[in-house]
C-alpha atoms as a PDB file:
ATOM      1  CA  UNK A   1      -7.306 -16.287 -42.498  1.00  0.00           C
ATOM      2  CA  UNK A   2     -10.313 -17.788 -40.767  1.00  0.00           C
ATOM      3  CA  UNK A   3     -10.935 -17.477 -37.036  1.00  0.00           C
ATOM      4  CA  UNK A   4     -12.346 -20.346 -35.026  1.00  0.00           C
ATOM      5  CA  UNK A   5     -14.877 -19.773 -32.229  1.00  0.00           C
ATOM      6  CA  UNK A   6     -12.200 -19.661 -29.523  1.00  0.00           C
ATOM      7  CA  UNK A   7     -10.161 -17.075 -31.452  1.00  0.00           C
ATOM      8  CA  UNK A   8     -13.256 -14.925 -32.064  1.00  0.00           C
ATOM      9  CA  UNK A   9     -14.119 -15.056 -28.360  1.00  0.00           C
ATOM     10  CA  UNK A  10     -10.546 -14.047 -27.494  1.00  0.00           C
ATOM     11  CA  UNK A  11     -10.712 -11.129 -29.949  1.00  0.00           C
ATOM     12  CA  UNK A  12     -14.032  -9.937 -28.500  1.00  0.00           C
ATOM     13  CA  UNK A  13     -12.649 -10.189 -24.960  1.00  0.00           C
ATOM     14  CA  UNK A  14      -9.561  -8.214 -25.969  1.00  0.00           C
ATOM     15  CA  UNK A  15     -11.773  -5.495 -27.475  1.00  0.00           C
ATOM     16  CA  UNK A  16     -13.963  -5.410 -24.354  1.00  0.00           C
ATOM     17  CA  UNK A  17     -10.924  -4.995 -22.117  1.00  0.00           C
ATOM     18  CA  UNK A  18      -9.451  -2.353 -24.435  1.00  0.00           C
ATOM     19  CA  UNK A  19     -12.709  -0.412 -24.586  1.00  0.00           C
ATOM     20  CA  UNK A  20     -12.997  -0.501 -20.789  1.00  0.00           C
ATOM     21  CA  UNK A  21      -9.479   0.945 -20.466  1.00  0.00           C
ATOM     22  CA  UNK A  22     -10.217   3.566 -23.137  1.00  0.00           C
ATOM     23  CA  UNK A  23     -13.499   4.500 -21.399  1.00  0.00           C
ATOM     24  CA  UNK A  24     -11.679   4.962 -18.099  1.00  0.00           C
ATOM     25  CA  UNK A  25      -8.946   7.083 -19.701  1.00  0.00           C
ATOM     26  CA  UNK A  26     -11.449   9.288 -21.556  1.00  0.00           C
ATOM     27  CA  UNK A  27     -13.515   9.675 -18.390  1.00  0.00           C
ATOM     28  CA  UNK A  28     -10.439  10.906 -16.533  1.00  0.00           C
ATOM     29  CA  UNK A  29      -9.458  13.257 -19.375  1.00  0.00           C
ATOM     30  CA  UNK A  30     -12.909  14.794 -19.696  1.00  0.00           C
ATOM     31  CA  UNK A  31     -14.278  14.466 -16.155  1.00  0.00           C
ATOM     32  CA  UNK A  32     -17.363  12.941 -17.768  1.00  0.00           C
ATOM     33  CA  UNK A  33     -18.795   9.445 -17.824  1.00  0.00           C
ATOM     34  CA  UNK A  34     -17.702   7.672 -21.008  1.00  0.00           C
ATOM     35  CA  UNK A  35     -18.822   4.258 -22.208  1.00  0.00           C
ATOM     36  CA  UNK A  36     -17.257   2.844 -25.365  1.00  0.00           C
ATOM     37  CA  UNK A  37     -18.757  -0.156 -27.090  1.00  0.00           C
ATOM     38  CA  UNK A  38     -18.130  -2.058 -30.277  1.00  0.00           C
ATOM     39  CA  UNK A  39     -21.476  -2.636 -31.984  1.00  0.00           C
ATOM     40  CA  UNK A  40     -19.928  -5.395 -34.075  1.00  0.00           C
ATOM     41  CA  UNK A  41     -16.635  -6.871 -35.066  1.00  0.00           C
ATOM     42  CA  UNK A  42     -16.080  -8.325 -38.511  1.00  0.00           C
ATOM     43  CA  UNK A  43     -13.159  -9.310 -40.667  1.00  0.00           C
ATOM     44  CA  UNK A  44     -12.940  -7.620 -44.084  1.00  0.00           C
ATOM     45  CA  UNK A  45     -10.319  -6.771 -46.644  1.00  0.00           C
ATOM     46  CA  UNK A  46      -9.480  -3.060 -46.496  1.00  0.00           C
ATOM     47  CA  UNK A  47     -10.511  -2.519 -50.121  1.00  0.00           C
ATOM     48  CA  UNK A  48     -14.035  -3.790 -49.314  1.00  0.00           C
ATOM     49  CA  UNK A  49     -14.671  -1.190 -46.585  1.00  0.00           C
ATOM     50  CA  UNK A  50     -16.126   1.662 -48.731  1.00  0.00           C
ATOM     51  CA  UNK A  51     -18.890  -0.584 -50.063  1.00  0.00           C
ATOM     52  CA  UNK A  52     -19.755  -1.714 -46.522  1.00  0.00           C
ATOM     53  CA  UNK A  53     -20.173   1.798 -45.151  1.00  0.00           C
ATOM     54  CA  UNK A  54     -22.897   2.531 -47.646  1.00  0.00           C
ATOM     55  CA  UNK A  55     -24.062   6.124 -47.680  1.00  0.00           C
ATOM     56  CA  UNK A  56     -21.183   8.027 -49.348  1.00  0.00           C
ATOM     57  CA  UNK A  57     -23.017  11.310 -48.747  1.00  0.00           C
ATOM     58  CA  UNK A  58     -22.581  10.953 -44.965  1.00  0.00           C
ATOM     59  CA  UNK A  59     -19.128  12.249 -43.937  1.00  0.00           C
ATOM     60  CA  UNK A  60     -17.180  10.087 -41.507  1.00  0.00           C
ATOM     61  CA  UNK A  61     -13.970  10.293 -39.531  1.00  0.00           C
ATOM     62  CA  UNK A  62     -11.791   7.210 -39.382  1.00  0.00           C
ATOM     63  CA  UNK A  63      -8.888   5.900 -37.368  1.00  0.00           C
ATOM     64  CA  UNK A  64      -6.828   3.041 -38.759  1.00  0.00           C
ATOM     65  CA  UNK A  65      -4.406   1.183 -36.530  1.00  0.00           C
ATOM     66  CA  UNK A  66      -2.078  -1.245 -38.239  1.00  0.00           C
ATOM     67  CA  UNK A  67      -1.404  -4.485 -36.391  1.00  0.00           C
ATOM     68  CA  UNK A  68       2.041  -5.939 -36.974  1.00  0.00           C
ATOM     69  CA  UNK A  69       3.781  -9.164 -36.112  1.00  0.00           C
ATOM     70  CA  UNK A  70       7.291 -10.475 -36.335  1.00  0.00           C
ATOM     71  CA  UNK A  71       8.694 -13.241 -38.489  1.00  0.00           C
ATOM     72  CA  UNK A  72      12.431 -13.970 -38.469  1.00  0.00           C
ATOM     73  CA  UNK A  73      13.015 -10.759 -36.493  1.00  0.00           C
ATOM     74  CA  UNK A  74      11.319  -8.749 -39.240  1.00  0.00           C
ATOM     75  CA  UNK A  75       8.195  -6.699 -38.462  1.00  0.00           C
ATOM     76  CA  UNK A  76       5.374  -7.334 -40.930  1.00  0.00           C
ATOM     77  CA  UNK A  77       1.779  -6.065 -41.201  1.00  0.00           C
ATOM     78  CA  UNK A  78      -0.772  -8.735 -40.280  1.00  0.00           C
ATOM     79  CA  UNK A  79      -3.979  -6.734 -40.122  1.00  0.00           C
ATOM     80  CA  UNK A  80      -5.543  -3.622 -38.758  1.00  0.00           C
ATOM     81  CA  UNK A  81      -8.306  -2.062 -36.733  1.00  0.00           C
ATOM     82  CA  UNK A  82     -10.536   0.487 -38.455  1.00  0.00           C
ATOM     83  CA  UNK A  83     -12.768   2.741 -36.384  1.00  0.00           C
ATOM     84  CA  UNK A  84     -15.425   4.640 -38.325  1.00  0.00           C
ATOM     85  CA  UNK A  85     -17.277   7.533 -36.671  1.00  0.00           C
ATOM     86  CA  UNK A  86     -19.955   9.677 -38.277  1.00  0.00           C
ATOM     87  CA  UNK A  87     -18.795  13.278 -38.596  1.00  0.00           C
ATOM     88  CA  UNK A  88     -21.396  14.602 -36.147  1.00  0.00           C
ATOM     89  CA  UNK A  89     -20.135  12.163 -33.502  1.00  0.00           C
ATOM     90  CA  UNK A  90     -16.506  13.025 -34.266  1.00  0.00           C
ATOM     91  CA  UNK A  91     -17.323  16.721 -33.741  1.00  0.00           C
ATOM     92  CA  UNK A  92     -18.996  15.925 -30.427  1.00  0.00           C
ATOM     93  CA  UNK A  93     -16.041  13.805 -29.271  1.00  0.00           C
ATOM     94  CA  UNK A  94     -13.553  16.486 -30.345  1.00  0.00           C
ATOM     95  CA  UNK A  95     -15.537  19.160 -28.497  1.00  0.00           C
ATOM     96  CA  UNK A  96     -15.556  17.109 -25.295  1.00  0.00           C
ATOM     97  CA  UNK A  97     -11.832  16.360 -25.517  1.00  0.00           C
ATOM     98  CA  UNK A  98     -10.824  19.896 -26.486  1.00  0.00           C
ATOM     99  CA  UNK A  99     -13.397  21.605 -24.229  1.00  0.00           C
ATOM    100  CA  UNK A 100     -14.843  23.497 -27.172  1.00  0.00           C
ATOM    101  CA  UNK A 101     -18.209  24.005 -28.801  1.00  0.00           C
ATOM    102  CA  UNK A 102     -17.279  23.905 -32.487  1.00  0.00           C
ATOM    103  CA  UNK A 103     -19.703  22.921 -35.227  1.00  0.00           C
ATOM    104  CA  UNK A 104     -17.030  21.752 -37.701  1.00  0.00           C
ATOM    105  CA  UNK A 105     -13.714  19.944 -37.635  1.00  0.00           C
ATOM    106  CA  UNK A 106     -10.918  19.903 -40.165  1.00  0.00           C
END
């Protein structure tokens, strides 16, 4: 599937709106200022992701959200959103959310 310029702009706008809502929610949860950004948005096949990340020695935490659609009243997968966070940043985020000061996560 190839996106045209209008579709890419719509996707970026959707991500900007979503990140603004997520920033607001995290700010309320943590009583801290939170600003979420998406450094880039690209379309890749899921099996190509490991090669894109590069440095296999750097641990990361990931969140994968499957995006589904409906055809003939049947729900089907049409894509996904993959968020990749370096482990050190995941620990920091977890500490803020859980009000802890851990140095590791499991």
